Amino acid sequence: MENELLQLTVIAVVLAPITAALVQAIKSATGLDAKKNTLVSLLIGIVLAGLWALTFGHVDQIGPYLMAGLLSGLSASGLYDLTKKGEEQ
């Protein structure tokens, strides 16, 4: 179980900058407003994770992959941090 959670976290971390870059490209091309930014980030993250699962033959685990995509989208929109910040001393 721990290996699967670690794998999904790694997938979310890898997809987050890709998701953010795609959202930024869409924002600059279409003039997307801030209210729709989070929704577009979530959708792009979920689609990318679904494509990842299909590409690497993990169709039986599509649910957890879509959850990783959700985390990726939340991270790309700034609503969730996938990396831990160092403790302040």
PDB file of N, CA and C in Angstrom:
ATOM      1  N   MET A   1       0.810  -1.198   0.000  1.00  0.00           N
ATOM      2  CA  MET A   1       0.000   0.000   0.000  1.00  0.00           C
ATOM      3  C   MET A   1       0.853   1.261   0.000  1.00  0.00           C
ATOM      4  N   GLU A   2       1.937   1.240   0.772  1.00  0.00           N
ATOM      5  CA  GLU A   2       2.807   2.410   0.833  1.00  0.00           C
ATOM      6  C   GLU A   2       3.459   2.690  -0.510  1.00  0.00           C
ATOM      7  N   ASN A   3       3.831   1.640  -1.230  1.00  0.00           N
ATOM      8  CA  ASN A   3       4.454   1.837  -2.529  1.00  0.00           C
ATOM      9  C   ASN A   3       3.500   2.490  -3.521  1.00  0.00           C
ATOM     10  N   GLU A   4       2.227   2.108  -3.474  1.00  0.00           N
ATOM     11  CA  GLU A   4       1.244   2.691  -4.378  1.00  0.00           C
ATOM     12  C   GLU A   4       1.031   4.172  -4.067  1.00  0.00           C
ATOM     13  N   LEU A   5       0.953   4.510  -2.774  1.00  0.00           N
ATOM     14  CA  LEU A   5       0.785   5.907  -2.395  1.00  0.00           C
ATOM     15  C   LEU A   5       1.993   6.738  -2.796  1.00  0.00           C
ATOM     16  N   LEU A   6       3.164   6.188  -2.621  1.00  0.00           N
ATOM     17  CA  LEU A   6       4.374   6.892  -3.030  1.00  0.00           C
ATOM     18  C   LEU A   6       4.396   7.087  -4.538  1.00  0.00           C
ATOM     19  N   GLN A   7       4.018   6.062  -5.278  1.00  0.00           N
ATOM     20  CA  GLN A   7       3.982   6.150  -6.736  1.00  0.00           C
ATOM     21  C   GLN A   7       3.001   7.229  -7.197  1.00  0.00           C
ATOM     22  N   LEU A   8       1.824   7.277  -6.592  1.00  0.00           N
ATOM     23  CA  LEU A   8       0.835   8.272  -6.984  1.00  0.00           C
ATOM     24  C   LEU A   8       1.269   9.684  -6.606  1.00  0.00           C
ATOM     25  N   THR A   9       1.951   9.819  -5.479  1.00  0.00           N
ATOM     26  CA  THR A   9       2.476  11.128  -5.097  1.00  0.00           C
ATOM     27  C   THR A   9       3.535  11.588  -6.083  1.00  0.00           C
ATOM     28  N   VAL A  10       4.387  10.667  -6.505  1.00  0.00           N
ATOM     29  CA  VAL A  10       5.418  11.011  -7.488  1.00  0.00           C
ATOM     30  C   VAL A  10       4.770  11.422  -8.810  1.00  0.00           C
ATOM     31  N   ILE A  11       3.737  10.713  -9.219  1.00  0.00           N
ATOM     32  CA  ILE A  11       3.036  11.062 -10.458  1.00  0.00           C
ATOM     33  C   ILE A  11       2.436  12.462 -10.337  1.00  0.00           C
ATOM     34  N   ALA A  12       1.830  12.765  -9.211  1.00  0.00           N
ATOM     35  CA  ALA A  12       1.248  14.092  -9.013  1.00  0.00           C
ATOM     36  C   ALA A  12       2.319  15.173  -9.040  1.00  0.00           C
ATOM     37  N   VAL A  13       3.480  14.892  -8.443  1.00  0.00           N
ATOM     38  CA  VAL A  13       4.577  15.859  -8.432  1.00  0.00           C
ATOM     39  C   VAL A  13       5.117  16.080  -9.846  1.00  0.00           C
ATOM     40  N   VAL A  14       5.194  15.019 -10.625  1.00  0.00           N
ATOM     41  CA  VAL A  14       5.680  15.149 -12.002  1.00  0.00           C
ATOM     42  C   VAL A  14       4.670  15.899 -12.865  1.00  0.00           C
ATOM     43  N   LEU A  15       3.394  15.635 -12.671  1.00  0.00           N
ATOM     44  CA  LEU A  15       2.365  16.246 -13.510  1.00  0.00           C
ATOM     45  C   LEU A  15       2.066  17.699 -13.141  1.00  0.00           C
ATOM     46  N   ALA A  16       2.334  18.110 -11.910  1.00  0.00           N
ATOM     47  CA  ALA A  16       1.973  19.465 -11.467  1.00  0.00           C
ATOM     48  C   ALA A  16       2.616  20.564 -12.319  1.00  0.00           C
ATOM     49  N   PRO A  17       3.925  20.522 -12.603  1.00  0.00           N
ATOM     50  CA  PRO A  17       4.476  21.593 -13.443  1.00  0.00           C
ATOM     51  C   PRO A  17       3.982  21.535 -14.888  1.00  0.00           C
ATOM     52  N   ILE A  18       3.710  20.336 -15.380  1.00  0.00           N
ATOM     53  CA  ILE A  18       3.167  20.210 -16.730  1.00  0.00           C
ATOM     54  C   ILE A  18       1.765  20.807 -16.764  1.00  0.00           C
ATOM     55  N   THR A  19       0.985  20.499 -15.747  1.00  0.00           N
ATOM     56  CA  THR A  19      -0.363  21.053 -15.644  1.00  0.00           C
ATOM     57  C   THR A  19      -0.314  22.572 -15.551  1.00  0.00           C
ATOM     58  N   ALA A  20       0.577  23.087 -14.719  1.00  0.00           N
ATOM     59  CA  ALA A  20       0.697  24.540 -14.556  1.00  0.00           C
ATOM     60  C   ALA A  20       1.110  25.202 -15.867  1.00  0.00           C
ATOM     61  N   ALA A  21       2.013  24.581 -16.592  1.00  0.00           N
ATOM     62  CA  ALA A  21       2.457  25.149 -17.870  1.00  0.00           C
ATOM     63  C   ALA A  21       1.322  25.167 -18.888  1.00  0.00           C
ATOM     64  N   LEU A  22       0.551  24.094 -18.950  1.00  0.00           N
ATOM     65  CA  LEU A  22      -0.576  24.055 -19.883  1.00  0.00           C
ATOM     66  C   LEU A  22      -1.652  25.078 -19.513  1.00  0.00           C
ATOM     67  N   VAL A  23      -1.919  25.227 -18.231  1.00  0.00           N
ATOM     68  CA  VAL A  23      -2.900  26.218 -17.789  1.00  0.00           C
ATOM     69  C   VAL A  23      -2.408  27.618 -18.128  1.00  0.00           C
ATOM     70  N   GLN A  24      -1.128  27.881 -17.926  1.00  0.00           N
ATOM     71  CA  GLN A  24      -0.573  29.192 -18.256  1.00  0.00           C
ATOM     72  C   GLN A  24      -0.677  29.460 -19.750  1.00  0.00           C
ATOM     73  N   ALA A  25      -0.432  28.452 -20.558  1.00  0.00           N
ATOM     74  CA  ALA A  25      -0.546  28.607 -22.013  1.00  0.00           C
ATOM     75  C   ALA A  25      -1.997  28.900 -22.406  1.00  0.00           C
ATOM     76  N   ILE A  26      -2.930  28.210 -21.772  1.00  0.00           N
ATOM     77  CA  ILE A  26      -4.349  28.448 -22.060  1.00  0.00           C
ATOM     78  C   ILE A  26      -4.756  29.842 -21.595  1.00  0.00           C
ATOM     79  N   LYS A  27      -4.255  30.262 -20.434  1.00  0.00           N
ATOM     80  CA  LYS A  27      -4.581  31.594 -19.932  1.00  0.00           C
ATOM     81  C   LYS A  27      -4.091  32.679 -20.876  1.00  0.00           C
ATOM     82  N   SER A  28      -2.864  32.532 -21.364  1.00  0.00           N
ATOM     83  CA  SER A  28      -2.326  33.564 -22.245  1.00  0.00           C
ATOM     84  C   SER A  28      -2.971  33.524 -23.630  1.00  0.00           C
ATOM     85  N   ALA A  29      -3.408  32.364 -24.077  1.00  0.00           N
ATOM     86  CA  ALA A  29      -4.015  32.256 -25.403  1.00  0.00           C
ATOM     87  C   ALA A  29      -5.473  32.703 -25.419  1.00  0.00           C
ATOM     88  N   THR A  30      -6.186  32.460 -24.313  1.00  0.00           N
ATOM     89  CA  THR A  30      -7.621  32.730 -24.315  1.00  0.00           C
ATOM     90  C   THR A  30      -8.040  33.842 -23.371  1.00  0.00           C
ATOM     91  N   GLY A  31      -7.149  34.319 -22.531  1.00  0.00           N
ATOM     92  CA  GLY A  31      -7.527  35.334 -21.553  1.00  0.00           C
ATOM     93  C   GLY A  31      -8.418  34.784 -20.457  1.00  0.00           C
ATOM     94  N   LEU A  32      -8.131  33.570 -20.018  1.00  0.00           N
ATOM     95  CA  LEU A  32      -8.917  32.890 -18.990  1.00  0.00           C
ATOM     96  C   LEU A  32      -8.907  33.698 -17.700  1.00  0.00           C
ATOM     97  N   ASP A  33     -10.083  33.882 -17.094  1.00  0.00           N
ATOM     98  CA  ASP A  33     -10.142  34.647 -15.855  1.00  0.00           C
ATOM     99  C   ASP A  33      -9.782  33.767 -14.657  1.00  0.00           C
ATOM    100  N   ALA A  34      -9.510  34.404 -13.533  1.00  0.00           N
ATOM    101  CA  ALA A  34      -9.016  33.705 -12.346  1.00  0.00           C
ATOM    102  C   ALA A  34     -10.035  32.722 -11.777  1.00  0.00           C
ATOM    103  N   LYS A  35     -11.313  32.988 -11.953  1.00  0.00           N
ATOM    104  CA  LYS A  35     -12.334  32.103 -11.399  1.00  0.00           C
ATOM    105  C   LYS A  35     -12.322  30.738 -12.079  1.00  0.00           C
ATOM    106  N   LYS A  36     -12.012  30.709 -13.350  1.00  0.00           N
ATOM    107  CA  LYS A  36     -12.011  29.447 -14.091  1.00  0.00           C
ATOM    108  C   LYS A  36     -10.654  28.764 -14.070  1.00  0.00           C
ATOM    109  N   ASN A  37      -9.648  29.443 -13.554  1.00  0.00           N
ATOM    110  CA  ASN A  37      -8.292  28.910 -13.524  1.00  0.00           C
ATOM    111  C   ASN A  37      -8.204  27.593 -12.755  1.00  0.00           C
ATOM    112  N   THR A  38      -8.828  27.539 -11.590  1.00  0.00           N
ATOM    113  CA  THR A  38      -8.769  26.331 -10.768  1.00  0.00           C
ATOM    114  C   THR A  38      -9.471  25.171 -11.450  1.00  0.00           C
ATOM    115  N   LEU A  39     -10.626  25.421 -12.027  1.00  0.00           N
ATOM    116  CA  LEU A  39     -11.362  24.367 -12.717  1.00  0.00           C
ATOM    117  C   LEU A  39     -10.569  23.816 -13.899  1.00  0.00           C
ATOM    118  N   VAL A  40      -9.959  24.702 -14.668  1.00  0.00           N
ATOM    119  CA  VAL A  40      -9.143  24.260 -15.810  1.00  0.00           C
ATOM    120  C   VAL A  40      -7.935  23.467 -15.315  1.00  0.00           C
ATOM    121  N   SER A  41      -7.327  23.900 -14.224  1.00  0.00           N
ATOM    122  CA  SER A  41      -6.183  23.164 -13.654  1.00  0.00           C
ATOM    123  C   SER A  41      -6.593  21.756 -13.243  1.00  0.00           C
ATOM    124  N   LEU A  42      -7.735  21.643 -12.585  1.00  0.00           N
ATOM    125  CA  LEU A  42      -8.217  20.329 -12.160  1.00  0.00           C
ATOM    126  C   LEU A  42      -8.484  19.424 -13.363  1.00  0.00           C
ATOM    127  N   LEU A  43      -9.168  19.957 -14.357  1.00  0.00           N
ATOM    128  CA  LEU A  43      -9.493  19.150 -15.531  1.00  0.00           C
ATOM    129  C   LEU A  43      -8.239  18.700 -16.278  1.00  0.00           C
ATOM    130  N   ILE A  44      -7.289  19.602 -16.450  1.00  0.00           N
ATOM    131  CA  ILE A  44      -6.058  19.237 -17.147  1.00  0.00           C
ATOM    132  C   ILE A  44      -5.282  18.198 -16.351  1.00  0.00           C
ATOM    133  N   GLY A  45      -5.194  18.366 -15.030  1.00  0.00           N
ATOM    134  CA  GLY A  45      -4.495  17.385 -14.199  1.00  0.00           C
ATOM    135  C   GLY A  45      -5.122  16.012 -14.280  1.00  0.00           C
ATOM    136  N   ILE A  46      -6.442  15.957 -14.235  1.00  0.00           N
ATOM    137  CA  ILE A  46      -7.148  14.671 -14.300  1.00  0.00           C
ATOM    138  C   ILE A  46      -6.963  14.021 -15.660  1.00  0.00           C
ATOM    139  N   VAL A  47      -7.059  14.814 -16.724  1.00  0.00           N
ATOM    140  CA  VAL A  47      -6.878  14.263 -18.075  1.00  0.00           C
ATOM    141  C   VAL A  47      -5.448  13.744 -18.267  1.00  0.00           C
ATOM    142  N   LEU A  48      -4.463  14.509 -17.810  1.00  0.00           N
ATOM    143  CA  LEU A  48      -3.075  14.064 -17.946  1.00  0.00           C
ATOM    144  C   LEU A  48      -2.815  12.773 -17.171  1.00  0.00           C
ATOM    145  N   ALA A  49      -3.358  12.676 -15.969  1.00  0.00           N
ATOM    146  CA  ALA A  49      -3.164  11.458 -15.175  1.00  0.00           C
ATOM    147  C   ALA A  49      -3.866  10.270 -15.814  1.00  0.00           C
ATOM    148  N   GLY A  50      -5.051  10.503 -16.365  1.00  0.00           N
ATOM    149  CA  GLY A  50      -5.749   9.432 -17.071  1.00  0.00           C
ATOM    150  C   GLY A  50      -4.964   8.958 -18.284  1.00  0.00           C
ATOM    151  N   LEU A  51      -4.402   9.908 -19.031  1.00  0.00           N
ATOM    152  CA  LEU A  51      -3.560   9.532 -20.174  1.00  0.00           C
ATOM    153  C   LEU A  51      -2.320   8.773 -19.727  1.00  0.00           C
ATOM    154  N   TRP A  52      -1.748   9.176 -18.590  1.00  0.00           N
ATOM    155  CA  TRP A  52      -0.583   8.486 -18.040  1.00  0.00           C
ATOM    156  C   TRP A  52      -0.941   7.029 -17.739  1.00  0.00           C
ATOM    157  N   ALA A  53      -2.081   6.823 -17.085  1.00  0.00           N
ATOM    158  CA  ALA A  53      -2.508   5.458 -16.739  1.00  0.00           C
ATOM    159  C   ALA A  53      -2.742   4.620 -17.990  1.00  0.00           C
ATOM    160  N   LEU A  54      -3.368   5.202 -18.993  1.00  0.00           N
ATOM    161  CA  LEU A  54      -3.612   4.469 -20.238  1.00  0.00           C
ATOM    162  C   LEU A  54      -2.320   4.184 -20.995  1.00  0.00           C
ATOM    163  N   THR A  55      -1.411   5.143 -20.998  1.00  0.00           N
ATOM    164  CA  THR A  55      -0.149   4.978 -21.729  1.00  0.00           C
ATOM    165  C   THR A  55       0.697   3.859 -21.141  1.00  0.00           C
ATOM    166  N   PHE A  56       0.759   3.794 -19.821  1.00  0.00           N
ATOM    167  CA  PHE A  56       1.614   2.806 -19.176  1.00  0.00           C
ATOM    168  C   PHE A  56       0.875   1.538 -18.780  1.00  0.00           C
ATOM    169  N   GLY A  57      -0.346   1.360 -19.261  1.00  0.00           N
ATOM    170  CA  GLY A  57      -1.075   0.117 -19.069  1.00  0.00           C
ATOM    171  C   GLY A  57      -1.606  -0.126 -17.674  1.00  0.00           C
ATOM    172  N   HIS A  58      -1.957   0.928 -16.985  1.00  0.00           N
ATOM    173  CA  HIS A  58      -2.493   0.789 -15.626  1.00  0.00           C
ATOM    174  C   HIS A  58      -3.980   1.105 -15.605  1.00  0.00           C
ATOM    175  N   VAL A  59      -4.700   0.576 -16.560  1.00  0.00           N
ATOM    176  CA  VAL A  59      -6.129   0.856 -16.670  1.00  0.00           C
ATOM    177  C   VAL A  59      -6.880   0.327 -15.449  1.00  0.00           C
ATOM    178  N   ASP A  60      -6.398  -0.761 -14.861  1.00  0.00           N
ATOM    179  CA  ASP A  60      -7.060  -1.318 -13.682  1.00  0.00           C
ATOM    180  C   ASP A  60      -6.931  -0.414 -12.460  1.00  0.00           C
ATOM    181  N   GLN A  61      -5.988   0.540 -12.486  1.00  0.00           N
ATOM    182  CA  GLN A  61      -5.782   1.463 -11.374  1.00  0.00           C
ATOM    183  C   GLN A  61      -6.139   2.894 -11.772  1.00  0.00           C
ATOM    184  N   ILE A  62      -7.102   3.059 -12.661  1.00  0.00           N
ATOM    185  CA  ILE A  62      -7.419   4.379 -13.189  1.00  0.00           C
ATOM    186  C   ILE A  62      -7.922   5.326 -12.096  1.00  0.00           C
ATOM    187  N   GLY A  63      -8.644   4.825 -11.121  1.00  0.00           N
ATOM    188  CA  GLY A  63      -9.161   5.667 -10.037  1.00  0.00           C
ATOM    189  C   GLY A  63      -8.074   6.379  -9.250  1.00  0.00           C
ATOM    190  N   PRO A  64      -7.099   5.648  -8.716  1.00  0.00           N
ATOM    191  CA  PRO A  64      -6.018   6.318  -8.000  1.00  0.00           C
ATOM    192  C   PRO A  64      -5.210   7.271  -8.884  1.00  0.00           C
ATOM    193  N   TYR A  65      -5.059   6.933 -10.153  1.00  0.00           N
ATOM    194  CA  TYR A  65      -4.343   7.824 -11.057  1.00  0.00           C
ATOM    195  C   TYR A  65      -5.116   9.126 -11.250  1.00  0.00           C
ATOM    196  N   LEU A  66      -6.430   9.029 -11.356  1.00  0.00           N
ATOM    197  CA  LEU A  66      -7.231  10.238 -11.491  1.00  0.00           C
ATOM    198  C   LEU A  66      -7.153  11.083 -10.220  1.00  0.00           C
ATOM    199  N   MET A  67      -7.033  10.421  -9.062  1.00  0.00           N
ATOM    200  CA  MET A  67      -6.843  11.158  -7.814  1.00  0.00           C
ATOM    201  C   MET A  67      -5.497  11.882  -7.819  1.00  0.00           C
ATOM    202  N   ALA A  68      -4.464  11.239  -8.357  1.00  0.00           N
ATOM    203  CA  ALA A  68      -3.165  11.896  -8.493  1.00  0.00           C
ATOM    204  C   ALA A  68      -3.283  13.098  -9.425  1.00  0.00           C
ATOM    205  N   GLY A  69      -4.091  12.975 -10.463  1.00  0.00           N
ATOM    206  CA  GLY A  69      -4.327  14.099 -11.356  1.00  0.00           C
ATOM    207  C   GLY A  69      -5.056  15.233 -10.665  1.00  0.00           C
ATOM    208  N   LEU A  70      -5.978  14.887  -9.788  1.00  0.00           N
ATOM    209  CA  LEU A  70      -6.674  15.895  -9.003  1.00  0.00           C
ATOM    210  C   LEU A  70      -5.685  16.651  -8.115  1.00  0.00           C
ATOM    211  N   LEU A  71      -4.801  15.922  -7.449  1.00  0.00           N
ATOM    212  CA  LEU A  71      -3.763  16.564  -6.639  1.00  0.00           C
ATOM    213  C   LEU A  71      -2.854  17.435  -7.491  1.00  0.00           C
ATOM    214  N   SER A  72      -2.538  16.959  -8.684  1.00  0.00           N
ATOM    215  CA  SER A  72      -1.713  17.728  -9.602  1.00  0.00           C
ATOM    216  C   SER A  72      -2.390  19.035  -9.986  1.00  0.00           C
ATOM    217  N   GLY A  73      -3.668  18.975 -10.292  1.00  0.00           N
ATOM    218  CA  GLY A  73      -4.404  20.177 -10.640  1.00  0.00           C
ATOM    219  C   GLY A  73      -4.512  21.149  -9.481  1.00  0.00           C
ATOM    220  N   LEU A  74      -4.756  20.625  -8.284  1.00  0.00           N
ATOM    221  CA  LEU A  74      -4.815  21.487  -7.106  1.00  0.00           C
ATOM    222  C   LEU A  74      -3.460  22.141  -6.831  1.00  0.00           C
ATOM    223  N   SER A  75      -2.411  21.382  -7.010  1.00  0.00           N
ATOM    224  CA  SER A  75      -1.078  21.923  -6.804  1.00  0.00           C
ATOM    225  C   SER A  75      -0.741  22.985  -7.852  1.00  0.00           C
ATOM    226  N   ALA A  76      -1.108  22.732  -9.090  1.00  0.00           N
ATOM    227  CA  ALA A  76      -0.832  23.685 -10.160  1.00  0.00           C
ATOM    228  C   ALA A  76      -1.598  24.990  -9.964  1.00  0.00           C
ATOM    229  N   SER A  77      -2.777  24.916  -9.366  1.00  0.00           N
ATOM    230  CA  SER A  77      -3.555  26.126  -9.144  1.00  0.00           C
ATOM    231  C   SER A  77      -3.169  26.831  -7.842  1.00  0.00           C
ATOM    232  N   GLY A  78      -2.320  26.204  -7.044  1.00  0.00           N
ATOM    233  CA  GLY A  78      -1.843  26.826  -5.813  1.00  0.00           C
ATOM    234  C   GLY A  78      -2.699  26.522  -4.598  1.00  0.00           C
ATOM    235  N   LEU A  79      -3.645  25.615  -4.718  1.00  0.00           N
ATOM    236  CA  LEU A  79      -4.509  25.299  -3.586  1.00  0.00           C
ATOM    237  C   LEU A  79      -3.975  24.171  -2.712  1.00  0.00           C
ATOM    238  N   TYR A  80      -2.951  23.484  -3.175  1.00  0.00           N
ATOM    239  CA  TYR A  80      -2.414  22.345  -2.428  1.00  0.00           C
ATOM    240  C   TYR A  80      -0.912  22.293  -2.652  1.00  0.00           C
ATOM    241  N   ASP A  81      -0.138  22.071  -1.602  1.00  0.00           N
ATOM    242  CA  ASP A  81       1.307  21.941  -1.709  1.00  0.00           C
ATOM    243  C   ASP A  81       1.693  20.475  -1.670  1.00  0.00           C
ATOM    244  N   LEU A  82       2.367  20.013  -2.714  1.00  0.00           N
ATOM    245  CA  LEU A  82       2.816  18.631  -2.742  1.00  0.00           C
ATOM    246  C   LEU A  82       4.157  18.443  -2.052  1.00  0.00           C
ATOM    247  N   THR A  83       4.875  19.521  -1.851  1.00  0.00           N
ATOM    248  CA  THR A  83       6.167  19.422  -1.178  1.00  0.00           C
ATOM    249  C   THR A  83       6.050  20.029   0.219  1.00  0.00           C
ATOM    250  N   LYS A  84       6.776  19.453   1.141  1.00  0.00           N
ATOM    251  CA  LYS A  84       6.755  19.949   2.511  1.00  0.00           C
ATOM    252  C   LYS A  84       7.712  21.131   2.625  1.00  0.00           C
ATOM    253  N   LYS A  85       7.261  22.139   3.293  1.00  0.00           N
ATOM    254  CA  LYS A  85       8.126  23.288   3.541  1.00  0.00           C
ATOM    255  C   LYS A  85       8.950  23.006   4.794  1.00  0.00           C
ATOM    256  N   GLY A  86      10.176  23.483   4.791  1.00  0.00           N
ATOM    257  CA  GLY A  86      11.038  23.281   5.943  1.00  0.00           C
ATOM    258  C   GLY A  86      10.488  23.977   7.168  1.00  0.00           C
ATOM    259  N   GLU A  87      10.745  23.398   8.311  1.00  0.00           N
ATOM    260  CA  GLU A  87      10.262  23.979   9.549  1.00  0.00           C
ATOM    261  C   GLU A  87      11.020  25.250   9.846  1.00  0.00           C
ATOM    262  N   GLU A  88      10.293  26.259  10.292  1.00  0.00           N
ATOM    263  CA  GLU A  88      10.939  27.521  10.657  1.00  0.00           C
ATOM    264  C   GLU A  88      11.588  27.339  12.021  1.00  0.00           C
ATOM    265  N   GLN A  89      12.779  27.917  12.142  1.00  0.00           N
ATOM    266  CA  GLN A  89      13.507  27.761  13.403  1.00  0.00           C
ATOM    267  C   GLN A  89      13.562  29.040  14.166  1.00  0.00           C
TER     268      GLN A  89
END
